[in-house]
Amino acid sequence: MAESHCPICYAELEVREVAPCWDCGHDAKELQDLAAGRHTYSEVLAFGVPLVVCNFCEVDFTSYDSDYFNRPLGTKQGLGEFVFIREIADPAPAEDKYCPACSRRLSFLQFLAAVRATGSTGGDGTE
């Protein structure tokens, strides 16, 4: 956790307890859901980049606008497009950095930066 600033907006990061999901894990409610065992967590490839998501965010991922990821309009994303890597066994809280300006944890911001860096390619290097 050497990074001190957000890779997207460059705001100063703060440390907080998070649930395993990189998308919603920064939210205190997700920590409650984790404690109650309400969600399962998986590591997937999204646009060719690793991402850890809960079962809710896996389904909800299709609600993102493709432009948010620097993808062409109409790019398919989310459920059905993810490549499953593994189930997260024994999910537990951890610490991660959080950007108060972007309202995202560092793991998701690094994922987002990596996806955006691939530009308008399909994640496999093709245009």
C-alpha atoms as a PDB file:
ATOM      1  CA  MET A   1       0.000   0.000   0.000  1.00  0.00           C
ATOM      2  CA  ALA A   2       2.737   2.440  -0.933  1.00  0.00           C
ATOM      3  CA  GLU A   3       0.519   4.663  -3.082  1.00  0.00           C
ATOM      4  CA  SER A   4      -0.494   7.887  -1.379  1.00  0.00           C
ATOM      5  CA  HIS A   5      -2.610   9.428  -4.159  1.00  0.00           C
ATOM      6  CA  CYS A   6      -5.456   8.225  -6.360  1.00  0.00           C
ATOM      7  CA  PRO A   7      -4.317   6.941  -9.781  1.00  0.00           C
ATOM      8  CA  ILE A   8      -7.436   8.531 -11.375  1.00  0.00           C
ATOM      9  CA  CYS A   9      -7.889  11.968  -9.759  1.00  0.00           C
ATOM     10  CA  TYR A  10      -4.674  12.267  -7.681  1.00  0.00           C
ATOM     11  CA  ALA A  11      -6.537  13.072  -4.438  1.00  0.00           C
ATOM     12  CA  GLU A  12      -4.873  11.938  -1.224  1.00  0.00           C
ATOM     13  CA  LEU A  13      -5.886   8.424  -0.227  1.00  0.00           C
ATOM     14  CA  GLU A  14      -6.984   7.295   3.240  1.00  0.00           C
ATOM     15  CA  VAL A  15      -6.835   3.812   4.767  1.00  0.00           C
ATOM     16  CA  ARG A  16     -10.050   2.032   5.719  1.00  0.00           C
ATOM     17  CA  GLU A  17     -11.388  -1.416   6.435  1.00  0.00           C
ATOM     18  CA  VAL A  18     -12.972  -2.992   3.353  1.00  0.00           C
ATOM     19  CA  ALA A  19     -14.851  -6.088   2.265  1.00  0.00           C
ATOM     20  CA  PRO A  20     -13.339  -8.230  -0.541  1.00  0.00           C
ATOM     21  CA  CYS A  21     -15.353  -6.688  -3.413  1.00  0.00           C
ATOM     22  CA  TRP A  22     -13.250  -4.089  -5.217  1.00  0.00           C
ATOM     23  CA  ASP A  23     -16.368  -2.353  -6.518  1.00  0.00           C
ATOM     24  CA  CYS A  24     -18.460  -1.907  -3.345  1.00  0.00           C
ATOM     25  CA  GLY A  25     -16.131  -3.188  -0.616  1.00  0.00           C
ATOM     26  CA  HIS A  26     -15.359   0.340   0.618  1.00  0.00           C
ATOM     27  CA  ASP A  27     -18.976   0.794   1.734  1.00  0.00           C
ATOM     28  CA  ALA A  28     -19.707   0.160   5.429  1.00  0.00           C
ATOM     29  CA  LYS A  29     -22.902  -1.702   4.431  1.00  0.00           C
ATOM     30  CA  GLU A  30     -20.837  -4.195   2.461  1.00  0.00           C
ATOM     31  CA  LEU A  31     -18.807  -4.906   5.601  1.00  0.00           C
ATOM     32  CA  GLN A  32     -22.119  -5.690   7.364  1.00  0.00           C
ATOM     33  CA  ASP A  33     -23.139  -7.926   4.443  1.00  0.00           C
ATOM     34  CA  LEU A  34     -19.766  -9.690   4.661  1.00  0.00           C
ATOM     35  CA  ALA A  35     -20.176 -10.295   8.398  1.00  0.00           C
ATOM     36  CA  ALA A  36     -23.679 -11.668   7.805  1.00  0.00           C
ATOM     37  CA  GLY A  37     -22.490 -13.923   4.942  1.00  0.00           C
ATOM     38  CA  ARG A  38     -24.913 -12.316   2.466  1.00  0.00           C
ATOM     39  CA  HIS A  39     -22.518 -12.285  -0.488  1.00  0.00           C
ATOM     40  CA  THR A  40     -20.111 -14.574  -2.243  1.00  0.00           C
ATOM     41  CA  TYR A  41     -16.964 -13.221  -3.896  1.00  0.00           C
ATOM     42  CA  SER A  42     -15.142 -14.196  -7.072  1.00  0.00           C
ATOM     43  CA  GLU A  43     -12.024 -13.178  -8.917  1.00  0.00           C
ATOM     44  CA  VAL A  44     -12.765 -12.640 -12.600  1.00  0.00           C
ATOM     45  CA  LEU A  45     -11.170 -11.121 -15.669  1.00  0.00           C
ATOM     46  CA  ALA A  46     -13.019  -8.030 -16.861  1.00  0.00           C
ATOM     47  CA  PHE A  47     -11.709  -6.589 -20.128  1.00  0.00           C
ATOM     48  CA  GLY A  48      -8.731  -8.922 -19.598  1.00  0.00           C
ATOM     49  CA  VAL A  49      -7.851  -7.372 -16.209  1.00  0.00           C
ATOM     50  CA  PRO A  50      -8.296  -9.177 -12.841  1.00  0.00           C
ATOM     51  CA  LEU A  51     -11.139  -7.925 -10.632  1.00  0.00           C
ATOM     52  CA  VAL A  52     -12.673  -9.204  -7.375  1.00  0.00           C
ATOM     53  CA  VAL A  53     -16.446  -8.733  -7.165  1.00  0.00           C
ATOM     54  CA  CYS A  54     -19.298  -9.816  -4.918  1.00  0.00           C
ATOM     55  CA  ASN A  55     -22.246 -11.647  -6.446  1.00  0.00           C
ATOM     56  CA  PHE A  56     -24.321  -8.421  -6.416  1.00  0.00           C
ATOM     57  CA  CYS A  57     -21.683  -6.314  -8.231  1.00  0.00           C
ATOM     58  CA  GLU A  58     -21.079  -9.123 -10.715  1.00  0.00           C
ATOM     59  CA  VAL A  59     -24.696  -8.818 -11.844  1.00  0.00           C
ATOM     60  CA  ASP A  60     -24.820  -5.015 -11.483  1.00  0.00           C
ATOM     61  CA  PHE A  61     -21.614  -4.480 -13.535  1.00  0.00           C
ATOM     62  CA  THR A  62     -23.679  -4.190 -16.710  1.00  0.00           C
ATOM     63  CA  SER A  63     -25.108  -0.892 -15.382  1.00  0.00           C
ATOM     64  CA  TYR A  64     -21.777   0.871 -15.952  1.00  0.00           C
ATOM     65  CA  ASP A  65     -21.601   3.018 -19.070  1.00  0.00           C
ATOM     66  CA  SER A  66     -18.947   1.609 -21.434  1.00  0.00           C
ATOM     67  CA  ASP A  67     -17.449   5.116 -21.695  1.00  0.00           C
ATOM     68  CA  TYR A  68     -16.532   4.936 -17.978  1.00  0.00           C
ATOM     69  CA  PHE A  69     -14.035   2.220 -18.915  1.00  0.00           C
ATOM     70  CA  ASN A  70     -12.886   4.028 -22.085  1.00  0.00           C
ATOM     71  CA  ARG A  71     -14.621   1.389 -24.204  1.00  0.00           C
ATOM     72  CA  PRO A  72     -16.570   1.878 -27.436  1.00  0.00           C
ATOM     73  CA  LEU A  73     -20.302   2.440 -27.080  1.00  0.00           C
ATOM     74  CA  GLY A  74     -22.098  -0.867 -26.817  1.00  0.00           C
ATOM     75  CA  THR A  75     -19.143  -2.819 -25.437  1.00  0.00           C
ATOM     76  CA  LYS A  76     -20.503  -5.805 -23.543  1.00  0.00           C
ATOM     77  CA  GLN A  77     -19.435  -5.942 -19.935  1.00  0.00           C
ATOM     78  CA  GLY A  78     -20.288  -7.805 -16.786  1.00  0.00           C
ATOM     79  CA  LEU A  79     -22.261 -10.969 -16.285  1.00  0.00           C
ATOM     80  CA  GLY A  80     -21.659 -13.316 -19.194  1.00  0.00           C
ATOM     81  CA  GLU A  81     -18.560 -11.386 -20.257  1.00  0.00           C
ATOM     82  CA  PHE A  82     -16.413 -12.062 -17.187  1.00  0.00           C
ATOM     83  CA  VAL A  83     -13.895 -14.877 -17.297  1.00  0.00           C
ATOM     84  CA  PHE A  84     -14.133 -16.721 -13.992  1.00  0.00           C
ATOM     85  CA  ILE A  85     -10.785 -17.270 -12.244  1.00  0.00           C
ATOM     86  CA  ARG A  86     -11.713 -18.482  -8.773  1.00  0.00           C
ATOM     87  CA  GLU A  87     -14.126 -18.253  -5.882  1.00  0.00           C
ATOM     88  CA  ILE A  88     -12.798 -16.339  -2.865  1.00  0.00           C
ATOM     89  CA  ALA A  89     -12.794 -18.892  -0.047  1.00  0.00           C
ATOM     90  CA  ASP A  90     -13.250 -17.634   3.517  1.00  0.00           C
ATOM     91  CA  PRO A  91     -13.723 -13.940   2.628  1.00  0.00           C
ATOM     92  CA  ALA A  92     -12.633 -11.573   5.391  1.00  0.00           C
ATOM     93  CA  PRO A  93     -12.285  -7.832   5.962  1.00  0.00           C
ATOM     94  CA  ALA A  94      -8.969  -6.258   5.027  1.00  0.00           C
ATOM     95  CA  GLU A  95      -7.428  -2.810   4.788  1.00  0.00           C
ATOM     96  CA  ASP A  96      -7.150  -0.879   1.543  1.00  0.00           C
ATOM     97  CA  LYS A  97      -6.731   2.722   0.619  1.00  0.00           C
ATOM     98  CA  TYR A  98      -9.772   4.754  -0.391  1.00  0.00           C
ATOM     99  CA  CYS A  99     -10.197   7.885  -2.495  1.00  0.00           C
ATOM    100  CA  PRO A 100     -12.759  10.226  -0.901  1.00  0.00           C
ATOM    101  CA  ALA A 101     -13.010  12.199  -4.175  1.00  0.00           C
ATOM    102  CA  CYS A 102     -13.752   9.175  -6.396  1.00  0.00           C
ATOM    103  CA  SER A 103     -15.562   7.213  -3.641  1.00  0.00           C
ATOM    104  CA  ARG A 104     -13.626   4.079  -4.606  1.00  0.00           C
ATOM    105  CA  ARG A 105     -11.093   1.786  -3.010  1.00  0.00           C
ATOM    106  CA  LEU A 106      -7.577   1.672  -4.422  1.00  0.00           C
ATOM    107  CA  SER A 107      -7.929  -1.878  -5.784  1.00  0.00           C
ATOM    108  CA  PHE A 108     -10.850  -0.791  -7.993  1.00  0.00           C
ATOM    109  CA  LEU A 109      -9.064   2.424  -9.024  1.00  0.00           C
ATOM    110  CA  GLN A 110      -5.990   0.432 -10.107  1.00  0.00           C
ATOM    111  CA  PHE A 111      -8.271  -1.922 -12.054  1.00  0.00           C
ATOM    112  CA  LEU A 112      -9.994   1.080 -13.676  1.00  0.00           C
ATOM    113  CA  ALA A 113      -6.668   2.700 -14.603  1.00  0.00           C
ATOM    114  CA  ALA A 114      -5.449  -0.566 -16.157  1.00  0.00           C
ATOM    115  CA  VAL A 115      -8.649  -1.009 -18.171  1.00  0.00           C
ATOM    116  CA  ARG A 116      -8.617   2.598 -19.362  1.00  0.00           C
ATOM    117  CA  ALA A 117      -4.961   2.256 -20.362  1.00  0.00           C
ATOM    118  CA  THR A 118      -5.906  -0.478 -22.826  1.00  0.00           C
ATOM    119  CA  GLY A 119      -7.946   2.184 -24.646  1.00  0.00           C
ATOM    120  CA  SER A 120     -10.534   1.128 -27.147  1.00  0.00           C
ATOM    121  CA  THR A 121      -9.123  -2.362 -27.542  1.00  0.00           C
ATOM    122  CA  GLY A 122     -11.102  -5.384 -26.532  1.00  0.00           C
ATOM    123  CA  GLY A 123      -8.625  -6.258 -23.788  1.00  0.00           C
ATOM    124  CA  ASP A 124      -6.889  -8.720 -26.070  1.00  0.00           C
ATOM    125  CA  GLY A 125      -4.912  -6.131 -28.011  1.00  0.00           C
ATOM    126  CA  THR A 126      -7.260  -5.957 -30.988  1.00  0.00           C
ATOM    127  CA  GLU A 127      -8.860  -2.727 -32.210  1.00  0.00           C
END
